[in-house]
Each structure stands twice: as C-alpha cells, then as structure tokens.
Amino acid sequence: MSIMARIAKLDSALQRGLDNGLALIFGGKVVPAEIEELLKQEAEDNLVVDDG
C-alpha cells in the first residue's frame, strides 16, 4: 500500500470519528446521504487491486 493510500485511509478514519463524535454530542441523526458517503469511503478504504 502506497504512502498516499495510507494517508487517505487515515484521513477517512479520522473524519468518520469526528463526524460520529459530533453527532453524539449534538444529537444528530443519520441521513441517507451520510450512509451513502460512509459506504463509499469504506469501499475506497478496503479496495484491493489485483495485478494478476
């Protein structure tokens, strides 16, 4: 995994943690757009490239 991919994954994880923390503090609710974005981020973070 390249350094940029690792940095992107870390950034994504930090953003999710911040979003979840703020939602808990301010009583936010999950909306479909947030679910879509989380699914996209999770898919990107766990993408496996097969060079075969």
Protein backbone atom coordinates (compact mmCIF):
# COMPACT_ATOMS: atom_id res chain seq x y z
CA MET A 1 0.00 0.00 0.00
CA SER A 2 1.46 3.35 -1.01
CA ILE A 3 2.05 6.13 1.48
CA MET A 4 -0.66 8.25 -0.15
CA ALA A 5 -3.18 5.41 0.18
CA ARG A 6 -2.31 5.05 3.86
CA ILE A 7 -2.68 8.80 4.42
CA ALA A 8 -6.04 8.78 2.63
CA LYS A 9 -7.23 5.87 4.76
CA LEU A 10 -6.11 7.63 7.95
CA ASP A 11 -7.85 10.84 6.86
CA SER A 12 -11.04 8.94 6.15
CA ALA A 13 -10.96 7.21 9.54
CA LEU A 14 -10.31 10.48 11.36
CA GLN A 15 -13.16 12.18 9.54
CA ARG A 16 -15.59 9.36 10.41
CA GLY A 17 -14.51 9.54 14.06
CA LEU A 18 -15.01 13.28 14.16
CA ASP A 19 -18.40 13.07 12.45
CA ASN A 20 -19.58 10.35 14.82
CA GLY A 21 -18.32 12.23 17.86
CA LEU A 22 -20.09 15.43 16.86
CA ALA A 23 -23.30 13.52 16.15
CA LEU A 24 -23.20 12.06 19.66
CA ILE A 25 -22.56 15.44 21.27
CA PHE A 26 -25.20 17.35 19.32
CA GLY A 27 -27.75 14.56 18.99
CA GLY A 28 -27.53 14.37 15.23
CA LYS A 29 -29.36 11.77 13.22
CA VAL A 30 -28.00 9.68 10.38
CA VAL A 31 -29.43 10.63 7.00
CA PRO A 32 -29.29 8.60 3.76
CA ALA A 33 -26.65 10.89 2.21
CA GLU A 34 -24.33 10.21 5.16
CA ILE A 35 -24.84 6.46 4.81
CA GLU A 36 -24.01 6.70 1.11
CA GLU A 37 -20.82 8.65 1.84
CA LEU A 38 -19.75 6.22 4.57
CA LEU A 39 -20.28 3.26 2.24
CA LYS A 40 -18.21 4.95 -0.48
CA GLN A 41 -15.39 5.73 1.95
CA GLU A 42 -15.41 2.20 3.34
CA ALA A 43 -15.30 0.73 -0.16
CA GLU A 44 -12.40 3.00 -1.14
CA ASP A 45 -10.51 2.22 2.07
CA ASN A 46 -10.82 -1.53 1.53
CA LEU A 47 -10.22 -1.63 -2.21
CA VAL A 48 -7.92 -4.46 -3.24
CA VAL A 49 -6.05 -4.14 -6.52
CA ASP A 50 -5.18 -7.46 -8.12
CA ASP A 51 -2.27 -7.14 -10.53
CA GLY A 52 -2.77 -10.66 -11.83
